[in-house]
Amino acid sequence: MSVGGSYDCITKTPLGDQKGVLTVIPGEGDSFTGNITGDLGSMDIRDGRISGNSLSWQMKMTMPMPMDLDCTATVEGDVITGKVKAGMFGTMDLNGTRRA
């Protein structure tokens, strides 16, 4: 099964659970694009890479403060689990399920 698709996700942040929709669009070779859209706006995926069922990417957060995010995740069937490294805030869990 492709890792491509949209996932309803929750990221456990110091500000509480942040809900969002992560969209993964596979590209050429091992690359992918997409974004995550939620209560704090939308962030585009940068440098997205696919290795089997594993994903890695970066995002630039602007709200509530500017910060670079380093993300990794694994897709198993319709479930995505991962980590978001957010500078001085440490690493946060990301969990979600594929939208039908």
Protein backbone atom coordinates (compact mmCIF):
# COMPACT_ATOMS: atom_id res chain seq x y z
CA MET A 1 0.00 0.00 0.00
CA SER A 2 1.26 3.48 -0.85
CA VAL A 3 2.15 5.90 1.95
CA GLY A 4 0.42 8.63 -0.08
CA GLY A 5 -2.84 10.08 1.16
CA SER A 6 -4.33 12.32 3.82
CA TYR A 7 -4.17 11.48 7.52
CA ASP A 8 -6.15 12.90 10.45
CA CYS A 9 -3.35 13.49 12.97
CA ILE A 10 -2.82 14.62 16.54
CA THR A 11 0.52 16.02 17.68
CA LYS A 12 1.16 16.06 21.45
CA THR A 13 2.62 19.55 22.04
CA PRO A 14 3.43 21.62 25.13
CA LEU A 15 0.35 23.68 24.18
CA GLY A 16 -1.86 20.58 24.24
CA ASP A 17 -3.04 18.23 21.50
CA GLN A 18 -2.88 19.88 18.07
CA LYS A 19 -5.18 18.36 15.45
CA GLY A 20 -4.30 18.54 11.77
CA VAL A 21 -4.57 16.87 8.40
CA LEU A 22 -1.26 15.64 6.99
CA THR A 23 -1.27 15.23 3.20
CA VAL A 24 1.48 13.11 1.61
CA ILE A 25 1.87 13.31 -2.19
CA PRO A 26 4.55 10.90 -3.51
CA GLY A 27 6.74 12.44 -6.21
CA GLU A 28 9.62 11.26 -8.38
CA GLY A 29 11.93 8.62 -6.90
CA ASP A 30 11.93 8.71 -3.10
CA SER A 31 10.58 12.26 -2.72
CA PHE A 32 7.21 13.55 -1.57
CA THR A 33 5.45 16.87 -1.09
CA GLY A 34 2.37 17.92 0.81
CA ASN A 35 1.40 19.87 3.91
CA ILE A 36 -0.22 19.74 7.29
CA THR A 37 -3.21 21.96 7.97
CA GLY A 38 -4.70 22.54 11.41
CA ASP A 39 -5.77 25.03 14.05
CA LEU A 40 -2.50 26.99 13.75
CA GLY A 41 -2.65 27.28 9.96
CA SER A 42 -0.86 25.35 7.22
CA MET A 43 2.77 24.27 6.86
CA ASP A 44 4.29 22.96 3.64
CA ILE A 45 6.48 19.86 3.68
CA ARG A 46 10.10 20.47 2.66
CA ASP A 47 12.70 17.85 1.69
CA GLY A 48 10.18 14.98 1.96
CA ARG A 49 11.76 11.51 1.60
CA ILE A 50 10.17 8.05 1.43
CA SER A 51 12.03 4.85 2.33
CA GLY A 52 9.68 1.87 2.17
CA ASN A 53 6.92 2.77 4.63
CA SER A 54 9.03 5.40 6.45
CA LEU A 55 8.83 9.14 5.88
CA SER A 56 11.11 12.04 6.82
CA TRP A 57 10.55 15.75 6.19
CA GLN A 58 11.00 19.27 7.51
CA MET A 59 8.50 22.08 8.05
CA LYS A 60 8.82 25.74 9.01
CA MET A 61 6.36 26.70 11.74
CA THR A 62 5.38 30.38 12.03
CA MET A 63 2.64 30.26 14.72
CA PRO A 64 2.75 30.63 17.67
CA MET A 65 6.47 31.31 17.05
CA PRO A 66 8.93 30.71 14.18
CA MET A 67 10.66 27.33 14.43
CA ASP A 68 12.08 24.64 12.15
CA LEU A 69 10.54 21.19 12.66
CA ASP A 70 12.25 17.87 11.79
CA CYS A 71 9.73 15.05 11.33
CA THR A 72 9.80 11.27 10.89
CA ALA A 73 6.93 8.81 10.62
CA THR A 74 6.06 5.24 9.70
CA VAL A 75 2.89 4.16 7.90
CA GLU A 76 1.47 0.72 8.75
CA GLY A 77 -1.70 0.12 6.73
CA ASP A 78 -3.91 3.13 7.51
CA VAL A 79 -2.07 4.20 10.68
CA ILE A 80 0.75 6.75 10.84
CA THR A 81 2.99 7.19 13.90
CA GLY A 82 5.92 9.52 14.20
CA LYS A 83 7.96 12.16 15.95
CA VAL A 84 8.27 15.91 15.48
CA LYS A 85 11.49 17.48 16.77
CA ALA A 86 10.74 21.10 17.71
CA GLY A 87 13.98 22.74 18.82
CA MET A 88 14.00 23.71 22.51
CA PHE A 89 10.56 22.11 22.98
CA GLY A 90 12.01 18.65 22.39
CA THR A 91 10.39 15.78 20.51
CA MET A 92 6.62 15.38 20.27
CA ASP A 93 4.54 12.34 19.28
CA LEU A 94 2.46 12.41 16.10
CA ASN A 95 -0.30 9.82 15.56
CA GLY A 96 -3.02 9.52 12.98
CA THR A 97 -5.20 7.49 10.65
CA ARG A 98 -5.69 7.65 6.91
CA ARG A 99 -8.83 9.44 5.71
CA ALA A 100 -11.24 7.27 3.73
